[in-house]
Amino acid sequence: MSDVSTGTGKVVVNRAMSLDGFIAGPGHAMDWIFESLTADAFPEVMAATGAMLVGRGTYEVARRMTGQDSAYDGGTQFVLTHEPPAEPDPAVTFLTCGLEEAVATARGAAGGKNLEILGADVAAQCLRGGLVDEILVYVLPVLLGDGVRFSPPTLGRIDLEPFDNTQSGAVTMLRFRVRR
């Protein structure tokens, strides 16, 4: 369990990924995800999630995709950013604090459920900081060839322990514990 624990929930990096290791396509495109993965494919994940912490880039991509059928209720949403937008978003709480404080704040809002970490940069920072308990990856049946990689080359080695894999339609969900 991470040092910023405020309940029984875990800090979980949640990612959809192409078979060739991309979490977003060229231009940060993510529309390809919803061709295979729907919010109801793995209902146990959504039920276990109480809050989400995302980076500003992921937030902006999600805003551009609001017209798509990507409804996912992951609880209270927090965006970690250096610069909150000029116009507030009533559905989101913007945090400008340090990473550990942001994780603690979001975990507190999760109400004992899991905190999902979304976004390449925030997830890498959390992994580097030893704040992540699990990684959940949805492997989708597509090769993108280019885009945003699962992790930046600067992340370094993180040892994982596989503990579950489940298939729903064409999507395979892999789950790993982060070894301490």
C-alpha atoms as a PDB file:
ATOM      1  CA  MET A   1       0.000   0.000   0.000  1.00  0.00           C
ATOM      2  CA  SER A   2       1.307   3.450  -0.801  1.00  0.00           C
ATOM      3  CA  ASP A   3       2.436   5.881   1.907  1.00  0.00           C
ATOM      4  CA  VAL A   4      -0.389   8.305   1.148  1.00  0.00           C
ATOM      5  CA  SER A   5      -3.055   5.763   2.051  1.00  0.00           C
ATOM      6  CA  THR A   6      -6.237   7.233   3.477  1.00  0.00           C
ATOM      7  CA  GLY A   7      -8.454   4.177   3.198  1.00  0.00           C
ATOM      8  CA  THR A   8      -8.645   0.631   1.985  1.00  0.00           C
ATOM      9  CA  GLY A   9      -8.710   1.544  -1.695  1.00  0.00           C
ATOM     10  CA  LYS A  10      -5.669   1.223  -3.893  1.00  0.00           C
ATOM     11  CA  VAL A  11      -3.942   3.611  -6.270  1.00  0.00           C
ATOM     12  CA  VAL A  12      -4.423   2.043  -9.692  1.00  0.00           C
ATOM     13  CA  VAL A  13      -2.944   3.186 -12.996  1.00  0.00           C
ATOM     14  CA  ASN A  14      -5.718   2.456 -15.505  1.00  0.00           C
ATOM     15  CA  ARG A  15      -4.760   2.295 -19.190  1.00  0.00           C
ATOM     16  CA  ALA A  16      -6.173   1.240 -22.512  1.00  0.00           C
ATOM     17  CA  MET A  17      -3.340   0.261 -24.839  1.00  0.00           C
ATOM     18  CA  SER A  18      -2.881  -0.849 -28.423  1.00  0.00           C
ATOM     19  CA  LEU A  19      -1.061  -4.137 -28.920  1.00  0.00           C
ATOM     20  CA  ASP A  20       2.037  -2.183 -29.995  1.00  0.00           C
ATOM     21  CA  GLY A  21       2.162  -0.237 -26.720  1.00  0.00           C
ATOM     22  CA  PHE A  22       0.423   3.087 -27.394  1.00  0.00           C
ATOM     23  CA  ILE A  23      -2.149   4.659 -25.042  1.00  0.00           C
ATOM     24  CA  ALA A  24      -3.010   7.392 -27.546  1.00  0.00           C
ATOM     25  CA  GLY A  25      -2.531   7.618 -31.271  1.00  0.00           C
ATOM     26  CA  PRO A  26      -0.945  10.405 -33.327  1.00  0.00           C
ATOM     27  CA  GLY A  27      -2.172  13.822 -32.197  1.00  0.00           C
ATOM     28  CA  HIS A  28      -3.222  12.239 -28.869  1.00  0.00           C
ATOM     29  CA  ALA A  29      -6.191  10.586 -30.637  1.00  0.00           C
ATOM     30  CA  MET A  30      -8.098   8.232 -28.348  1.00  0.00           C
ATOM     31  CA  ASP A  31     -11.274   7.619 -30.344  1.00  0.00           C
ATOM     32  CA  TRP A  32      -9.954   4.174 -31.357  1.00  0.00           C
ATOM     33  CA  ILE A  33     -10.359   3.026 -27.744  1.00  0.00           C
ATOM     34  CA  PHE A  34     -14.144   3.203 -27.846  1.00  0.00           C
ATOM     35  CA  GLU A  35     -14.315   1.017 -30.947  1.00  0.00           C
ATOM     36  CA  SER A  36     -13.558  -1.962 -28.678  1.00  0.00           C
ATOM     37  CA  LEU A  37     -13.857  -0.849 -25.060  1.00  0.00           C
ATOM     38  CA  THR A  38     -17.142   0.288 -23.530  1.00  0.00           C
ATOM     39  CA  ALA A  39     -17.802   1.449 -19.965  1.00  0.00           C
ATOM     40  CA  ASP A  40     -19.806  -1.714 -19.270  1.00  0.00           C
ATOM     41  CA  ALA A  41     -17.134  -4.192 -20.484  1.00  0.00           C
ATOM     42  CA  PHE A  42     -15.604  -4.535 -16.987  1.00  0.00           C
ATOM     43  CA  PRO A  43     -18.239  -3.202 -14.544  1.00  0.00           C
ATOM     44  CA  GLU A  44     -16.273  -4.388 -11.508  1.00  0.00           C
ATOM     45  CA  VAL A  45     -13.554  -1.823 -12.254  1.00  0.00           C
ATOM     46  CA  MET A  46     -15.977   1.095 -12.286  1.00  0.00           C
ATOM     47  CA  ALA A  47     -17.710  -0.223  -9.139  1.00  0.00           C
ATOM     48  CA  ALA A  48     -14.364  -0.357  -7.290  1.00  0.00           C
ATOM     49  CA  THR A  49     -13.369   3.185  -8.299  1.00  0.00           C
ATOM     50  CA  GLY A  50     -14.164   6.168  -6.108  1.00  0.00           C
ATOM     51  CA  ALA A  51     -12.096   8.922  -7.727  1.00  0.00           C
ATOM     52  CA  MET A  52      -9.846   9.680 -10.681  1.00  0.00           C
ATOM     53  CA  LEU A  53      -6.679  11.766 -10.899  1.00  0.00           C
ATOM     54  CA  VAL A  54      -5.671  12.864 -14.386  1.00  0.00           C
ATOM     55  CA  GLY A  55      -3.210  15.263 -15.925  1.00  0.00           C
ATOM     56  CA  ARG A  56      -4.191  18.386 -17.794  1.00  0.00           C
ATOM     57  CA  GLY A  57      -3.360  16.877 -21.202  1.00  0.00           C
ATOM     58  CA  THR A  58      -5.641  13.889 -20.626  1.00  0.00           C
ATOM     59  CA  TYR A  59      -8.365  16.210 -19.362  1.00  0.00           C
ATOM     60  CA  GLU A  60      -8.146  18.308 -22.551  1.00  0.00           C
ATOM     61  CA  VAL A  61      -8.301  15.207 -24.784  1.00  0.00           C
ATOM     62  CA  ALA A  62     -11.351  13.954 -22.856  1.00  0.00           C
ATOM     63  CA  ARG A  63     -13.063  17.349 -23.260  1.00  0.00           C
ATOM     64  CA  ARG A  64     -12.631  17.121 -27.035  1.00  0.00           C
ATOM     65  CA  MET A  65     -14.253  13.674 -26.966  1.00  0.00           C
ATOM     66  CA  THR A  66     -17.391  14.594 -24.988  1.00  0.00           C
ATOM     67  CA  GLY A  67     -19.698  13.788 -27.915  1.00  0.00           C
ATOM     68  CA  GLN A  68     -18.584  10.152 -28.044  1.00  0.00           C
ATOM     69  CA  ASP A  69     -20.174   7.337 -26.071  1.00  0.00           C
ATOM     70  CA  SER A  70     -17.385   7.195 -23.510  1.00  0.00           C
ATOM     71  CA  ALA A  71     -19.470   7.494 -20.345  1.00  0.00           C
ATOM     72  CA  TYR A  72     -17.482   6.213 -17.409  1.00  0.00           C
ATOM     73  CA  ASP A  73     -18.396   7.004 -13.836  1.00  0.00           C
ATOM     74  CA  GLY A  74     -15.118   6.822 -11.965  1.00  0.00           C
ATOM     75  CA  GLY A  75     -16.296   9.035  -9.123  1.00  0.00           C
ATOM     76  CA  THR A  76     -14.913  12.445  -8.262  1.00  0.00           C
ATOM     77  CA  GLN A  77     -12.545  13.793 -10.910  1.00  0.00           C
ATOM     78  CA  PHE A  78      -9.350  15.668 -10.114  1.00  0.00           C
ATOM     79  CA  VAL A  79      -6.984  17.255 -12.618  1.00  0.00           C
ATOM     80  CA  LEU A  80      -3.396  17.913 -11.544  1.00  0.00           C
ATOM     81  CA  THR A  81      -2.106  20.958 -13.400  1.00  0.00           C
ATOM     82  CA  HIS A  82       0.266  23.906 -13.155  1.00  0.00           C
ATOM     83  CA  GLU A  83      -2.361  26.161 -14.743  1.00  0.00           C
ATOM     84  CA  PRO A  84      -6.087  25.643 -14.136  1.00  0.00           C
ATOM     85  CA  PRO A  85      -8.300  26.847 -16.987  1.00  0.00           C
ATOM     86  CA  ALA A  86      -9.687  30.369 -16.834  1.00  0.00           C
ATOM     87  CA  GLU A  87     -13.213  28.977 -17.008  1.00  0.00           C
ATOM     88  CA  PRO A  88     -13.998  26.519 -14.199  1.00  0.00           C
ATOM     89  CA  ASP A  89     -15.429  23.076 -14.975  1.00  0.00           C
ATOM     90  CA  PRO A  90     -18.059  22.162 -12.357  1.00  0.00           C
ATOM     91  CA  ALA A  91     -17.478  18.437 -12.967  1.00  0.00           C
ATOM     92  CA  VAL A  92     -13.773  18.630 -12.065  1.00  0.00           C
ATOM     93  CA  THR A  93     -11.584  19.800  -9.193  1.00  0.00           C
ATOM     94  CA  PHE A  94      -8.300  21.299 -10.393  1.00  0.00           C
ATOM     95  CA  LEU A  95      -5.316  20.744  -8.115  1.00  0.00           C
ATOM     96  CA  THR A  96      -2.137  22.808  -8.297  1.00  0.00           C
ATOM     97  CA  CYS A  97      -0.364  21.168  -5.348  1.00  0.00           C
ATOM     98  CA  GLY A  98       2.449  18.624  -5.335  1.00  0.00           C
ATOM     99  CA  LEU A  99       1.948  15.057  -6.529  1.00  0.00           C
ATOM    100  CA  GLU A 100       1.773  13.358  -3.109  1.00  0.00           C
ATOM    101  CA  GLU A 101      -0.751  15.890  -1.846  1.00  0.00           C
ATOM    102  CA  ALA A 102      -2.842  15.459  -5.009  1.00  0.00           C
ATOM    103  CA  VAL A 103      -2.870  11.666  -4.572  1.00  0.00           C
ATOM    104  CA  ALA A 104      -3.793  12.010  -0.883  1.00  0.00           C
ATOM    105  CA  THR A 105      -6.586  14.480  -1.701  1.00  0.00           C
ATOM    106  CA  ALA A 106      -8.045  12.271  -4.427  1.00  0.00           C
ATOM    107  CA  ARG A 107      -7.745   9.140  -2.264  1.00  0.00           C
ATOM    108  CA  GLY A 108      -9.626  10.913   0.501  1.00  0.00           C
ATOM    109  CA  ALA A 109     -12.427  11.696  -1.956  1.00  0.00           C
ATOM    110  CA  ALA A 110     -12.493   8.065  -3.146  1.00  0.00           C
ATOM    111  CA  GLY A 111     -14.170   7.083   0.118  1.00  0.00           C
ATOM    112  CA  GLY A 112     -12.214   3.854   0.639  1.00  0.00           C
ATOM    113  CA  LYS A 113     -12.542   2.828  -2.996  1.00  0.00           C
ATOM    114  CA  ASN A 114      -9.737   2.815  -5.563  1.00  0.00           C
ATOM    115  CA  LEU A 115      -8.156   5.936  -6.984  1.00  0.00           C
ATOM    116  CA  GLU A 116      -7.595   5.628 -10.734  1.00  0.00           C
ATOM    117  CA  ILE A 117      -4.616   7.407 -12.239  1.00  0.00           C
ATOM    118  CA  LEU A 118      -5.111   8.335 -15.889  1.00  0.00           C
ATOM    119  CA  GLY A 119      -2.718  10.091 -18.227  1.00  0.00           C
ATOM    120  CA  ALA A 120       0.812   9.249 -19.287  1.00  0.00           C
ATOM    121  CA  ASP A 121       2.673  11.947 -17.370  1.00  0.00           C
ATOM    122  CA  VAL A 122       0.782  11.761 -14.066  1.00  0.00           C
ATOM    123  CA  ALA A 123       0.950   7.958 -14.074  1.00  0.00           C
ATOM    124  CA  ALA A 124       4.705   7.992 -14.723  1.00  0.00           C
ATOM    125  CA  GLN A 125       5.204  10.503 -11.906  1.00  0.00           C
ATOM    126  CA  CYS A 126       3.150   8.343  -9.529  1.00  0.00           C
ATOM    127  CA  LEU A 127       5.076   5.213 -10.526  1.00  0.00           C
ATOM    128  CA  ARG A 128       8.409   6.999 -10.099  1.00  0.00           C
ATOM    129  CA  GLY A 129       7.288   8.235  -6.687  1.00  0.00           C
ATOM    130  CA  GLY A 130       6.267   4.777  -5.459  1.00  0.00           C
ATOM    131  CA  LEU A 131       2.622   5.853  -5.097  1.00  0.00           C
ATOM    132  CA  VAL A 132       1.025   3.127  -7.245  1.00  0.00           C
ATOM    133  CA  ASP A 133      -0.303  -0.177  -5.926  1.00  0.00           C
ATOM    134  CA  GLU A 134      -1.573  -1.720  -9.165  1.00  0.00           C
ATOM    135  CA  ILE A 135      -1.552  -1.309 -12.929  1.00  0.00           C
ATOM    136  CA  LEU A 136      -4.612  -2.285 -14.933  1.00  0.00           C
ATOM    137  CA  VAL A 137      -4.189  -2.478 -18.721  1.00  0.00           C
ATOM    138  CA  TYR A 138      -6.882  -3.051 -21.331  1.00  0.00           C
ATOM    139  CA  VAL A 139      -5.114  -4.476 -24.388  1.00  0.00           C
ATOM    140  CA  LEU A 140      -7.094  -3.610 -27.514  1.00  0.00           C
ATOM    141  CA  PRO A 141      -6.902  -5.421 -30.857  1.00  0.00           C
ATOM    142  CA  VAL A 142      -5.247  -2.679 -32.872  1.00  0.00           C
ATOM    143  CA  LEU A 143      -1.750  -1.659 -33.953  1.00  0.00           C
ATOM    144  CA  LEU A 144      -1.395   2.131 -34.036  1.00  0.00           C
ATOM    145  CA  GLY A 145       2.215   2.412 -35.176  1.00  0.00           C
ATOM    146  CA  ASP A 146       2.744   5.785 -33.522  1.00  0.00           C
ATOM    147  CA  GLY A 147       1.474   7.980 -30.715  1.00  0.00           C
ATOM    148  CA  VAL A 148       1.886   8.234 -26.963  1.00  0.00           C
ATOM    149  CA  ARG A 149       3.728   5.242 -25.491  1.00  0.00           C
ATOM    150  CA  PHE A 150       2.540   3.379 -22.395  1.00  0.00           C
ATOM    151  CA  SER A 151       5.436   4.860 -20.429  1.00  0.00           C
ATOM    152  CA  PRO A 152       8.128   7.408 -21.178  1.00  0.00           C
ATOM    153  CA  PRO A 153      11.687   6.116 -21.689  1.00  0.00           C
ATOM    154  CA  THR A 154      12.736   8.056 -18.584  1.00  0.00           C
ATOM    155  CA  LEU A 155      10.483   6.021 -16.271  1.00  0.00           C
ATOM    156  CA  GLY A 156      13.060   3.376 -15.486  1.00  0.00           C
ATOM    157  CA  ARG A 157      12.426  -0.170 -14.367  1.00  0.00           C
ATOM    158  CA  ILE A 158       9.329  -0.986 -12.312  1.00  0.00           C
ATOM    159  CA  ASP A 159       8.912  -4.633 -11.287  1.00  0.00           C
ATOM    160  CA  LEU A 160       5.383  -6.005 -11.467  1.00  0.00           C
ATOM    161  CA  GLU A 161       3.577  -9.133 -10.309  1.00  0.00           C
ATOM    162  CA  PRO A 162       0.746 -10.339 -12.583  1.00  0.00           C
ATOM    163  CA  PHE A 163      -2.349 -11.393 -10.660  1.00  0.00           C
ATOM    164  CA  ASP A 164      -5.312 -11.413 -13.059  1.00  0.00           C
ATOM    165  CA  ASN A 165      -6.321 -11.446 -16.710  1.00  0.00           C
ATOM    166  CA  THR A 166      -9.845 -11.328 -18.036  1.00  0.00           C
ATOM    167  CA  GLN A 167     -11.321 -11.155 -21.503  1.00  0.00           C
ATOM    168  CA  SER A 168     -14.489  -9.290 -22.493  1.00  0.00           C
ATOM    169  CA  GLY A 169     -15.211  -9.507 -26.192  1.00  0.00           C
ATOM    170  CA  ALA A 170     -12.090  -8.450 -28.088  1.00  0.00           C
ATOM    171  CA  VAL A 171     -10.498  -6.739 -25.053  1.00  0.00           C
ATOM    172  CA  THR A 172      -8.100  -8.403 -22.627  1.00  0.00           C
ATOM    173  CA  MET A 173      -7.659  -6.829 -19.199  1.00  0.00           C
ATOM    174  CA  LEU A 174      -4.319  -7.481 -17.493  1.00  0.00           C
ATOM    175  CA  ARG A 175      -3.727  -6.638 -13.834  1.00  0.00           C
ATOM    176  CA  PHE A 176      -0.394  -6.272 -12.058  1.00  0.00           C
ATOM    177  CA  ARG A 177       0.703  -5.419  -8.528  1.00  0.00           C
ATOM    178  CA  VAL A 178       3.641  -3.040  -8.248  1.00  0.00           C
ATOM    179  CA  ARG A 179       6.440  -4.781  -6.363  1.00  0.00           C
ATOM    180  CA  ARG A 180       7.923  -2.744  -3.554  1.00  0.00           C
END
